[in-house]
Amino acid sequence: MSSTTQGRTWDVRRPPAAEGRNFLVTGGNAGIGYFTAEQLAGTGAVVVIGSRDRAKGEAAMASIRSRVPRARVRHLRLDLADLSSLKTVVDRLDLGHLDAVVHNAGVALDDPPRQETGDGHELMFGTNHLGHFALTRWLAPLLSAAPAGRVVTVGSFAARSERLDLGDLQSVQDYRPKRAYGRSKLAQMSFGFELDRRLRAAGSTVLSVVAHPGGALDSLTPPRPPAHGATPGRRLRALPCALLVQGKDAGAWPIVRAVLDPEVAGGQLWGPRVFGLRGLPRCEPVPPHMADPAVAARLWAASEELTGATGWSGPPLGGGR
């Protein structure tokens, strides 16, 4: 896809209408996820905000409805750290099909000590990767029931400098918070690319796409009370940073395009145009370490074992037409 085609056909502020389509955004109550949900709600689609906290979900919905007349938004209680709860998500969604799931929710820890989920997994790896891995497995029938379902995995610039340690995926032997976060996002992105390879091999109509927001700061983000707010002084002090990075509203652009653009293909990576940090969305080259099939196959096998979310080769994944 040429940059000329991209620039001519896509307006980030006026995405195409999507009435009759259903989207699930994990972590849609705040940050990048909130602005993804807000922008998708403007298309006329049903947008389900998945988050653990109902009060925060309701605040996000109130903010979206104040900006998007007749927005069709719902909240779904979703805890990615609780693997045993994820299989029931399909029933609680109460939808006949799901046109896209946006794997956005995540945990980022800055300081030790190492923390674990209730299932005993390192918190960032368990939530960011394993939770989304299992959720995709259970959502597969709804995604296959859509005319052209999509799985959009939200990665991070932090994953570019990391490499997976397949012998210590959960940072038991050597825990460093920032590195563990980057590796959890790399695991997500590796999963997204491997998922598309498997979907293509199965003849599925579902696509798997990876997107990232670049450099997106709260202090450059427009206020969305009661869901989000930054003081005028904080926004003013952050203005020089806008030469290199952007707000979370703009950080959502590549993700929204990955969900909606009919020209997007499976296995692609979308991010901001300017150094991968800011600007309009574009399709980027995929770094080799993110799409290494041998590494991805071992990660996939480990993820199945850790989550119990098996059976990917059967009908729920295929869904070909």
Protein backbone atom coordinates (compact mmCIF):
# COMPACT_ATOMS: atom_id res chain seq x y z
CA MET A 1 0.00 0.00 0.00
CA SER A 2 1.57 3.28 -1.07
CA SER A 3 1.81 6.34 1.14
CA THR A 4 0.01 8.28 -1.61
CA THR A 5 -2.97 5.95 -1.34
CA GLN A 6 -2.92 6.18 2.43
CA GLY A 7 -2.87 9.99 2.47
CA ARG A 8 -5.57 10.36 -0.16
CA THR A 9 -8.17 7.99 1.23
CA TRP A 10 -8.04 8.33 4.99
CA ASP A 11 -9.13 11.25 7.18
CA VAL A 12 -8.35 10.62 10.85
CA ARG A 13 -11.05 13.07 11.92
CA ARG A 14 -13.73 11.59 9.67
CA PRO A 15 -13.42 7.80 9.67
CA PRO A 16 -15.96 5.86 7.58
CA ALA A 17 -19.40 5.02 8.93
CA ALA A 18 -19.70 1.62 10.62
CA GLU A 19 -23.37 1.26 11.52
CA GLY A 20 -24.31 -2.33 12.26
CA ARG A 21 -20.79 -3.27 13.37
CA ASN A 22 -19.72 -4.28 16.89
CA PHE A 23 -16.36 -3.46 18.45
CA LEU A 24 -14.82 -4.42 21.80
CA VAL A 25 -12.03 -2.23 23.20
CA THR A 26 -10.22 -3.67 26.21
CA GLY A 27 -9.17 -0.94 28.61
CA GLY A 28 -11.49 1.44 26.78
CA ASN A 29 -12.14 3.51 29.91
CA ALA A 30 -8.86 5.46 29.86
CA GLY A 31 -5.87 6.61 27.82
CA ILE A 32 -5.40 5.29 24.30
CA GLY A 33 -8.30 2.90 24.79
CA TYR A 34 -10.68 5.71 25.70
CA PHE A 35 -9.88 7.73 22.57
CA THR A 36 -10.08 4.60 20.43
CA ALA A 37 -13.56 3.96 21.83
CA GLU A 38 -14.60 7.60 21.36
CA GLN A 39 -13.46 7.70 17.74
CA LEU A 40 -15.08 4.34 16.94
CA ALA A 41 -18.32 5.48 18.60
CA GLY A 42 -18.44 8.37 16.14
CA THR A 43 -18.87 5.90 13.28
CA GLY A 44 -22.26 4.68 14.49
CA ALA A 45 -20.96 1.28 15.59
CA VAL A 46 -21.75 -0.42 18.88
CA VAL A 47 -18.66 0.02 21.06
CA VAL A 48 -18.18 -2.17 24.12
CA ILE A 49 -15.74 -0.83 26.71
CA GLY A 50 -14.08 -3.69 28.53
CA SER A 51 -12.62 -2.84 31.93
CA ARG A 52 -12.49 -4.10 35.50
CA ASP A 53 -13.95 -0.98 37.12
CA ARG A 54 -17.61 -0.29 36.36
CA ALA A 55 -17.48 3.26 37.74
CA LYS A 56 -14.59 4.16 35.43
CA GLY A 57 -16.37 2.50 32.54
CA GLU A 58 -19.50 4.53 33.21
CA ALA A 59 -17.44 7.73 33.40
CA ALA A 60 -15.91 6.93 30.02
CA MET A 61 -19.32 6.25 28.51
CA ALA A 62 -20.67 9.54 29.90
CA SER A 63 -17.76 11.41 28.38
CA ILE A 64 -18.23 9.74 24.98
CA ARG A 65 -21.96 10.43 24.98
CA SER A 66 -21.33 14.10 25.77
CA ARG A 67 -19.22 14.38 22.60
CA VAL A 68 -20.85 11.86 20.27
CA PRO A 69 -24.62 12.32 19.89
CA ARG A 70 -26.49 9.00 20.00
CA ALA A 71 -23.31 7.07 20.74
CA ARG A 72 -23.98 3.35 21.20
CA VAL A 73 -21.61 2.42 24.00
CA ARG A 74 -21.75 -0.33 26.60
CA HIS A 75 -19.56 -1.49 29.46
CA LEU A 76 -18.38 -5.06 29.95
CA ARG A 77 -16.66 -6.10 33.15
CA LEU A 78 -13.41 -7.62 31.98
CA ASP A 79 -10.43 -8.68 34.09
CA LEU A 80 -7.61 -9.94 31.89
CA ALA A 81 -5.61 -11.01 34.94
CA ASP A 82 -8.32 -13.56 35.84
CA LEU A 83 -8.00 -16.19 33.13
CA SER A 84 -10.83 -18.36 34.43
CA SER A 85 -13.31 -15.50 33.91
CA LEU A 86 -12.57 -14.86 30.25
CA LYS A 87 -14.50 -17.74 28.69
CA THR A 88 -17.77 -16.21 29.95
CA VAL A 89 -17.09 -12.95 28.06
CA VAL A 90 -18.73 -14.34 24.91
CA ASP A 91 -22.02 -14.93 26.73
CA ARG A 92 -21.93 -11.59 28.55
CA LEU A 93 -21.28 -9.70 25.33
CA ASP A 94 -24.71 -10.87 24.10
CA LEU A 95 -23.77 -10.24 20.47
CA GLY A 96 -24.32 -12.33 17.38
CA HIS A 97 -20.98 -11.30 15.92
CA LEU A 98 -17.95 -9.19 16.76
CA ASP A 99 -16.39 -7.17 13.95
CA ALA A 100 -13.22 -6.31 15.86
CA VAL A 101 -11.58 -6.62 19.23
CA VAL A 102 -8.92 -4.07 20.16
CA HIS A 103 -6.40 -5.56 22.58
CA ASN A 104 -5.47 -2.33 24.33
CA ALA A 105 -5.68 -2.88 28.09
CA GLY A 106 -2.43 -3.24 29.90
CA VAL A 107 -0.43 -2.90 33.09
CA ALA A 108 2.86 -0.97 33.27
CA LEU A 109 4.89 -1.08 36.48
CA ASP A 110 7.87 1.20 37.06
CA ASP A 111 9.31 -0.22 40.28
CA PRO A 112 9.94 -3.55 41.98
CA PRO A 113 8.86 -5.79 43.57
CA ARG A 114 7.68 -8.34 41.03
CA GLN A 115 3.92 -8.88 41.25
CA GLU A 116 1.71 -11.76 40.17
CA THR A 117 -1.86 -12.26 39.01
CA GLY A 118 -4.21 -14.46 40.98
CA ASP A 119 -3.24 -17.27 38.59
CA GLY A 120 0.41 -16.91 39.60
CA HIS A 121 1.68 -15.22 36.43
CA GLU A 122 3.95 -12.17 36.40
CA LEU A 123 1.47 -9.30 36.38
CA MET A 124 2.47 -7.51 33.17
CA PHE A 125 3.06 -10.65 31.09
CA GLY A 126 -0.05 -12.28 32.53
CA THR A 127 -2.33 -9.32 31.87
CA ASN A 128 -0.90 -7.78 28.72
CA HIS A 129 -0.16 -10.97 26.82
CA LEU A 130 -1.70 -14.07 28.39
CA GLY A 131 -5.04 -12.39 29.12
CA HIS A 132 -5.41 -11.18 25.54
CA PHE A 133 -4.21 -14.53 24.16
CA ALA A 134 -6.94 -16.37 26.07
CA LEU A 135 -9.58 -13.74 25.32
CA THR A 136 -8.96 -14.06 21.59
CA ARG A 137 -9.45 -17.82 21.80
CA TRP A 138 -12.85 -17.47 23.44
CA LEU A 139 -13.95 -14.62 21.15
CA ALA A 140 -12.95 -16.53 18.02
CA PRO A 141 -16.49 -17.80 17.21
CA LEU A 142 -17.93 -14.26 17.36
CA LEU A 143 -15.09 -12.88 15.24
CA SER A 144 -15.58 -15.65 12.68
CA ALA A 145 -19.31 -14.89 12.57
CA ALA A 146 -18.60 -11.35 11.33
CA PRO A 147 -18.23 -10.74 7.58
CA ALA A 148 -14.61 -9.65 8.06
CA GLY A 149 -13.58 -9.80 11.72
CA ARG A 150 -10.37 -8.24 12.97
CA VAL A 151 -8.08 -8.67 15.95
CA VAL A 152 -6.13 -5.45 16.51
CA THR A 153 -3.31 -5.79 19.00
CA VAL A 154 -1.96 -2.57 20.47
CA GLY A 155 1.80 -2.81 20.77
CA SER A 156 4.37 -0.36 22.02
CA PHE A 157 7.50 1.43 20.84
CA ALA A 158 9.10 -0.12 23.95
CA ALA A 159 9.04 -3.53 22.27
CA ARG A 160 11.50 -2.48 19.56
CA SER A 161 14.55 -2.71 21.79
CA GLU A 162 13.53 -5.89 23.63
CA ARG A 163 13.94 -9.58 22.88
CA LEU A 164 11.93 -12.41 24.43
CA ASP A 165 13.70 -14.74 26.84
CA LEU A 166 11.87 -17.96 26.07
CA GLY A 167 13.47 -19.59 29.09
CA ASP A 168 12.20 -16.89 31.45
CA LEU A 169 9.04 -15.46 29.90
CA GLN A 170 7.72 -14.40 33.29
CA SER A 171 10.90 -12.74 34.56
CA VAL A 172 11.30 -15.11 37.49
CA GLN A 173 15.07 -15.26 37.27
CA ASP A 174 15.77 -11.61 36.44
CA TYR A 175 12.99 -9.08 37.05
CA ARG A 176 13.42 -5.53 35.82
CA PRO A 177 10.06 -3.70 35.55
CA LYS A 178 10.66 -1.63 32.42
CA ARG A 179 12.21 -4.55 30.59
CA ALA A 180 9.40 -6.87 31.70
CA TYR A 181 6.87 -4.37 30.35
CA GLY A 182 8.64 -4.08 26.99
CA ARG A 183 8.82 -7.85 26.71
CA SER A 184 5.14 -8.24 27.55
CA LYS A 185 4.30 -5.86 24.71
CA LEU A 186 6.69 -7.69 22.39
CA ALA A 187 4.91 -10.92 23.29
CA GLN A 188 1.60 -9.31 22.36
CA MET A 189 2.94 -8.12 19.02
CA SER A 190 4.58 -11.47 18.25
CA PHE A 191 1.24 -13.11 19.01
CA GLY A 192 -0.58 -10.70 16.69
CA PHE A 193 1.67 -11.54 13.75
CA GLU A 194 1.63 -15.27 14.45
CA LEU A 195 -2.15 -15.22 14.79
CA ASP A 196 -2.47 -13.79 11.30
CA ARG A 197 -0.19 -16.46 9.86
CA ARG A 198 -2.38 -19.13 11.43
CA LEU A 199 -5.59 -17.45 10.31
CA ARG A 200 -4.34 -17.33 6.72
CA ALA A 201 -3.31 -20.99 6.87
CA ALA A 202 -6.80 -21.87 8.14
CA GLY A 203 -8.51 -19.94 5.33
CA SER A 204 -10.19 -17.63 7.82
CA THR A 205 -11.89 -14.36 6.97
CA VAL A 206 -10.58 -12.88 10.25
CA LEU A 207 -7.52 -10.62 10.07
CA SER A 208 -4.95 -9.96 12.77
CA VAL A 209 -3.30 -6.52 12.67
CA VAL A 210 -0.82 -4.86 15.03
CA ALA A 211 -0.81 -1.13 15.75
CA HIS A 212 0.99 1.17 18.15
CA PRO A 213 0.38 4.75 19.34
CA GLY A 214 3.96 6.01 19.12
CA GLY A 215 4.81 8.52 21.82
CA ALA A 216 1.53 9.51 23.48
CA LEU A 217 1.54 11.68 26.61
CA ASP A 218 -1.28 12.50 29.03
CA SER A 219 -0.02 16.08 29.21
CA LEU A 220 -0.59 16.58 25.46
CA THR A 221 -4.02 14.97 25.54
CA PRO A 222 -7.20 17.07 25.37
CA PRO A 223 -9.37 16.84 28.52
CA ARG A 224 -12.30 14.46 28.62
CA PRO A 225 -13.97 14.96 31.99
CA PRO A 226 -14.76 12.93 33.98
CA ALA A 227 -12.67 10.27 32.20
CA HIS A 228 -9.48 12.26 31.65
CA GLY A 229 -8.06 15.63 32.54
CA ALA A 230 -4.77 17.52 32.66
CA THR A 231 -4.30 20.96 34.17
CA PRO A 232 -3.72 23.88 31.78
CA GLY A 233 -0.29 24.42 33.35
CA ARG A 234 0.72 20.84 32.75
CA ARG A 235 -0.42 21.00 29.13
CA LEU A 236 1.46 24.26 28.61
CA ARG A 237 4.69 22.84 30.01
CA ALA A 238 4.39 19.84 27.70
CA LEU A 239 4.05 21.86 24.48
CA PRO A 240 7.76 21.61 23.52
CA CYS A 241 7.38 17.80 23.60
CA ALA A 242 4.84 18.07 20.78
CA LEU A 243 7.75 18.37 18.35
CA LEU A 244 8.48 14.68 18.97
CA VAL A 245 5.39 13.09 20.49
CA GLN A 246 1.63 13.66 20.68
CA GLY A 247 -1.49 13.27 22.79
CA LYS A 248 -3.38 10.06 23.31
CA ASP A 249 -6.17 11.23 21.04
CA ALA A 250 -3.72 11.18 18.12
CA GLY A 251 -2.13 8.01 19.48
CA ALA A 252 -5.44 6.26 18.83
CA TRP A 253 -5.39 7.09 15.09
CA PRO A 254 -3.33 4.09 13.92
CA ILE A 255 -5.49 1.75 16.00
CA VAL A 256 -8.75 3.15 14.65
CA ARG A 257 -7.44 2.87 11.11
CA ALA A 258 -6.38 -0.73 11.74
CA VAL A 259 -9.97 -1.45 12.82
CA LEU A 260 -11.82 0.38 10.05
CA ASP A 261 -9.79 0.82 6.88
CA PRO A 262 -10.86 -1.77 4.28
CA GLU A 263 -7.40 -1.51 2.68
CA VAL A 264 -5.64 -2.73 5.83
CA ALA A 265 -4.26 -6.26 5.43
CA GLY A 266 -3.60 -8.94 7.99
CA GLY A 267 -0.08 -9.12 9.38
CA GLN A 268 0.54 -5.40 8.98
CA LEU A 269 1.98 -3.00 11.56
CA TRP A 270 0.46 0.49 11.82
CA GLY A 271 1.89 3.45 13.69
CA PRO A 272 2.44 7.23 13.48
CA ARG A 273 4.15 8.56 10.37
CA VAL A 274 6.89 10.74 11.90
CA PHE A 275 9.69 8.49 13.20
CA GLY A 276 7.02 6.13 14.52
CA LEU A 277 6.34 8.63 17.30
CA ARG A 278 3.76 11.14 16.09
CA GLY A 279 1.61 12.13 13.14
CA LEU A 280 -0.88 10.50 10.82
CA PRO A 281 -1.09 6.70 10.68
CA ARG A 282 0.93 4.71 8.20
CA CYS A 283 1.82 1.09 7.53
CA GLU A 284 5.33 0.38 8.86
CA PRO A 285 7.88 -2.32 8.09
CA VAL A 286 7.66 -5.09 10.67
CA PRO A 287 10.92 -5.50 12.63
CA PRO A 288 12.19 -9.06 12.10
CA HIS A 289 12.35 -9.92 15.80
CA MET A 290 8.64 -9.17 16.17
CA ALA A 291 7.60 -11.63 13.46
CA ASP A 292 10.15 -14.42 13.88
CA PRO A 293 8.01 -17.53 13.26
CA ALA A 294 10.24 -19.86 15.30
CA VAL A 295 10.10 -17.62 18.37
CA ALA A 296 6.37 -17.04 17.86
CA ALA A 297 5.65 -20.78 17.67
CA ARG A 298 7.41 -21.40 20.99
CA LEU A 299 5.65 -18.43 22.59
CA TRP A 300 2.31 -19.74 21.30
CA ALA A 301 2.89 -23.21 22.74
CA ALA A 302 3.92 -21.74 26.10
CA SER A 303 0.87 -19.44 26.09
CA GLU A 304 -1.48 -22.36 25.46
CA GLU A 305 0.08 -24.28 28.32
CA LEU A 306 -0.07 -21.33 30.72
CA THR A 307 -3.65 -20.30 29.89
CA GLY A 308 -5.34 -23.56 28.98
CA ALA A 309 -6.73 -21.75 25.91
CA THR A 310 -6.15 -24.54 23.41
CA GLY A 311 -7.95 -25.79 20.32
CA TRP A 312 -6.90 -22.96 18.03
CA SER A 313 -6.60 -25.25 15.03
CA GLY A 314 -10.27 -26.21 15.11
CA PRO A 315 -13.41 -24.53 13.73
CA PRO A 316 -13.43 -21.53 16.12
CA LEU A 317 -10.22 -20.24 14.58
CA GLY A 318 -10.88 -21.18 10.96
CA GLY A 319 -14.28 -19.75 10.20
CA GLY A 320 -13.54 -19.68 6.49
CA ARG A 321 -16.27 -18.83 4.02
